[in-house]
Each structure stands twice: as structure tokens, then as C-alpha cells.
């Protein structure tokens, strides 16, 4: 299975290219499966074919369900935990309980992305646990993070639902 990497220059066009020659850009996107469209004043976009998007969704759903099924078996869960350092080298800075929590949160986030379209959940889980590992890896940051706040009033907390 080929994976289109969107970072190379040869797989990107400008928004101006798209507006001036939409047929050629669409043909290029169809040939590649997906094509980055850069925009000077807005976030980049990806132009893709419906079949490419559907296959991507199918792949995510399949992988998510497979990982969740593995987590339900002792050997599968153990294998996933052993594989984590290869995928996320920074987990070595997490203790055993944190690695377990990260694994569960990541599997739940993958499921939410696949089944509910909640794509930010995976990114949020990885970024937040990587930040925890970064703090754990730096003794000064860890000491500061564990320091009691004492009588410091941080003000009211707003809860958004």
C-alpha cells in the first residue's frame, strides 16, 4: 500500500494554481490520491479523491478495531505495551502506570477518531503525554511541576460544556 506523503514540493500546488487551472490540479490530485494545496493567507488544504478518503477512513477503522481487540487479550496488550517505545521513544520517561494510561487513552482516541470522526483526540492524547514525558525527563521541570502551590489563588475556573 502506498502512502502519499504531503510534505514534498512535487506533491503541492498553490491555491492560485488551483483557481487558474482546476482541471490540471484535479487530475494531478487524482493521480497522486491526494495533493496539498498551499495558501499564503490560510491553512493548507488537501485535495483528494473520494476513494482515497474512503480508503483512509477504512484503514483507520480497521487499525483501531484491531488494536482494541488486541488490548482485550493479555498477550495482545503486552505486545502493544512492548511496541510503544519503538513508536513513541519518549515513553521511556513515563512510569509503568503512565504508560498504561497513555495506551488506554490512545486506543480510546483511535476508536473515537475511527468511529466518531473525532480526529483531534489522537493528536491531543499524543501531544499531552509527550509533554508529560518531557517534564519527567527534565529534573528541574519535574521538581517544579510537583511543587505544592500552597496558598496560591489561581482564580476562578471556567467549565465549558
Protein backbone atom coordinates (compact mmCIF):
# COMPACT_ATOMS: atom_id res chain seq x y z
CA UNK A 1 0.00 0.00 0.00
CA UNK A 2 1.46 3.36 -0.99
CA UNK A 3 1.20 6.26 1.41
CA UNK A 4 1.14 9.75 -0.03
CA UNK A 5 3.47 12.00 1.94
CA UNK A 6 2.25 15.55 1.65
CA UNK A 7 5.45 17.32 2.59
CA UNK A 8 7.39 17.19 -0.66
CA UNK A 9 7.35 20.07 -3.08
CA UNK A 10 6.37 17.84 -6.01
CA UNK A 11 3.09 16.98 -4.31
CA UNK A 12 1.92 20.50 -3.60
CA UNK A 13 0.33 23.26 -5.65
CA UNK A 14 -0.66 26.77 -4.72
CA UNK A 15 -4.22 27.93 -4.29
CA UNK A 16 -3.58 30.19 -7.27
CA UNK A 17 -2.67 27.14 -9.38
CA UNK A 18 -5.95 25.55 -8.34
CA UNK A 19 -8.01 28.61 -9.22
CA UNK A 20 -6.25 29.14 -12.57
CA UNK A 21 -6.16 25.54 -13.75
CA UNK A 22 -8.60 23.42 -11.74
CA UNK A 23 -8.76 20.56 -14.27
CA UNK A 24 -4.99 20.02 -14.27
CA UNK A 25 -4.80 20.25 -10.48
CA UNK A 26 -7.73 17.83 -10.09
CA UNK A 27 -6.05 15.39 -12.50
CA UNK A 28 -2.82 15.60 -10.52
CA UNK A 29 -4.69 15.02 -7.25
CA UNK A 30 -6.46 12.02 -8.79
CA UNK A 31 -3.16 10.58 -10.00
CA UNK A 32 -1.49 11.03 -6.60
CA UNK A 33 -4.54 10.20 -4.47
CA UNK A 34 -4.15 13.47 -2.60
CA UNK A 35 -2.44 16.78 -3.17
CA UNK A 36 -1.54 19.59 -0.78
CA UNK A 37 -2.89 22.99 -1.78
CA UNK A 38 -0.87 25.75 -0.16
CA UNK A 39 -2.43 29.11 0.57
CA UNK A 40 -0.49 32.19 1.54
CA UNK A 41 -3.20 33.63 3.79
CA UNK A 42 -4.88 30.48 5.13
CA UNK A 43 -4.05 26.99 6.30
CA UNK A 44 -3.03 24.48 3.64
CA UNK A 45 -5.73 22.16 2.33
CA UNK A 46 -5.63 18.68 0.88
CA UNK A 47 -7.42 17.87 -2.35
CA UNK A 48 -8.18 14.19 -2.54
CA UNK A 49 -10.34 11.71 -4.38
CA UNK A 50 -13.37 10.26 -2.65
CA UNK A 51 -11.98 6.74 -2.96
CA UNK A 52 -8.70 7.80 -1.35
CA UNK A 53 -10.58 9.41 1.56
CA UNK A 54 -12.81 6.34 1.93
CA UNK A 55 -9.79 4.01 1.99
CA UNK A 56 -8.10 6.21 4.58
CA UNK A 57 -11.22 6.03 6.75
CA UNK A 58 -11.42 2.27 6.26
CA UNK A 59 -7.75 1.85 7.19
CA UNK A 60 -8.16 3.92 10.36
CA UNK A 61 -11.27 1.99 11.40
CA UNK A 62 -9.61 -1.37 10.74
CA UNK A 63 -6.44 -0.47 12.65
CA UNK A 64 -8.44 0.96 15.54
CA UNK A 65 -10.62 -2.13 15.85
CA UNK A 66 -7.59 -4.41 15.60
CA UNK A 67 -5.75 -2.56 18.37
CA UNK A 68 -8.85 -2.59 20.59
CA UNK A 69 -9.26 -6.34 20.05
CA UNK A 70 -5.58 -6.89 20.91
CA UNK A 71 -5.99 -4.86 24.11
CA UNK A 72 -8.64 -7.33 25.29
CA UNK A 73 -6.14 -10.21 25.21
CA UNK A 74 -3.30 -10.42 27.73
CA UNK A 75 -0.70 -11.29 25.08
CA UNK A 76 -2.01 -8.61 22.73
CA UNK A 77 -1.98 -5.91 25.39
CA UNK A 78 1.53 -6.95 26.41
CA UNK A 79 2.67 -6.81 22.76
CA UNK A 80 1.22 -3.31 22.33
CA UNK A 81 2.93 -2.13 25.52
CA UNK A 82 6.24 -3.58 24.31
CA UNK A 83 5.83 -1.90 20.90
CA UNK A 84 5.10 1.57 22.32
CA UNK A 85 8.78 2.58 22.83
CA UNK A 86 9.51 1.86 19.19
CA UNK A 87 6.62 4.04 18.03
CA UNK A 88 6.94 6.66 20.79
CA UNK A 89 10.55 6.62 22.08
CA UNK A 90 9.71 9.21 24.73
CA UNK A 91 7.53 6.74 26.71
CA UNK A 92 10.73 5.66 28.48
CA UNK A 93 10.24 8.79 30.59
CA UNK A 94 6.81 7.61 31.76
CA UNK A 95 6.39 5.25 34.69
CA UNK A 96 4.53 1.94 34.23
CA UNK A 97 1.16 3.37 35.30
CA UNK A 98 1.56 6.37 32.96
CA UNK A 99 2.42 4.07 30.04
CA UNK A 100 -0.70 2.02 30.78
CA UNK A 101 -2.84 5.19 30.97
CA UNK A 102 -1.32 6.52 27.75
CA UNK A 103 -2.01 3.23 25.97
CA UNK A 104 -5.64 3.18 27.05
CA UNK A 105 -6.14 6.85 26.19
CA UNK A 106 -4.50 6.36 22.78
CA UNK A 107 -6.64 3.31 21.98
CA UNK A 108 -9.80 5.17 23.04
CA UNK A 109 -8.76 8.18 20.95
CA UNK A 110 -8.10 6.00 17.91
CA UNK A 111 -11.52 4.44 18.35
CA UNK A 112 -13.15 7.87 18.65
CA UNK A 113 -11.35 9.05 15.52
CA UNK A 114 -12.40 5.99 13.56
CA UNK A 115 -15.94 5.58 14.81
CA UNK A 116 -16.95 9.19 15.58
CA UNK A 117 -14.72 11.25 13.32
CA UNK A 118 -13.11 12.88 16.40
CA UNK A 119 -9.71 13.27 14.75
CA UNK A 120 -8.22 15.71 17.24
CA UNK A 121 -8.47 13.13 20.04
CA UNK A 122 -5.46 11.14 18.81
CA UNK A 123 -3.32 14.25 18.37
CA UNK A 124 -4.35 15.56 21.79
CA UNK A 125 -3.50 12.26 23.52
CA UNK A 126 -0.07 12.04 21.91
CA UNK A 127 0.81 15.70 22.49
CA UNK A 128 -0.30 15.73 26.12
CA UNK A 129 1.51 12.50 27.04
CA UNK A 130 4.65 13.63 25.17
CA UNK A 131 4.55 16.83 27.25
CA UNK A 132 4.30 14.72 30.41
CA UNK A 133 7.32 12.68 29.27
CA UNK A 134 9.23 15.90 28.51
CA UNK A 135 8.58 17.18 32.05
CA UNK A 136 9.53 13.80 33.55
CA UNK A 137 12.78 13.82 31.55
CA UNK A 138 13.90 17.18 32.97
CA UNK A 139 14.55 17.02 36.73
CA UNK A 140 14.08 20.79 37.14
CA UNK A 141 10.74 20.79 35.31
CA UNK A 142 9.58 17.72 37.23
CA UNK A 143 10.52 19.27 40.56
CA UNK A 144 8.66 22.48 39.62
CA UNK A 145 5.62 20.52 38.44
CA UNK A 146 5.46 18.54 41.70
CA UNK A 147 5.97 21.57 43.95
CA UNK A 148 2.88 22.29 46.06
CA UNK A 149 1.13 25.52 45.14
CA UNK A 150 0.45 26.40 48.77
CA UNK A 151 -1.98 29.28 49.16
CA UNK A 152 -1.63 30.49 45.57
CA UNK A 153 -5.02 31.52 44.22
CA UNK A 154 -5.16 30.85 40.50
CA UNK A 155 -8.58 32.47 40.16
CA UNK A 156 -11.89 31.04 39.07
CA UNK A 157 -12.05 28.06 36.78
CA UNK A 158 -14.38 28.20 33.80
CA UNK A 159 -16.01 24.94 32.76
CA UNK A 160 -17.04 24.71 29.11
CA UNK A 161 -19.50 22.00 28.16
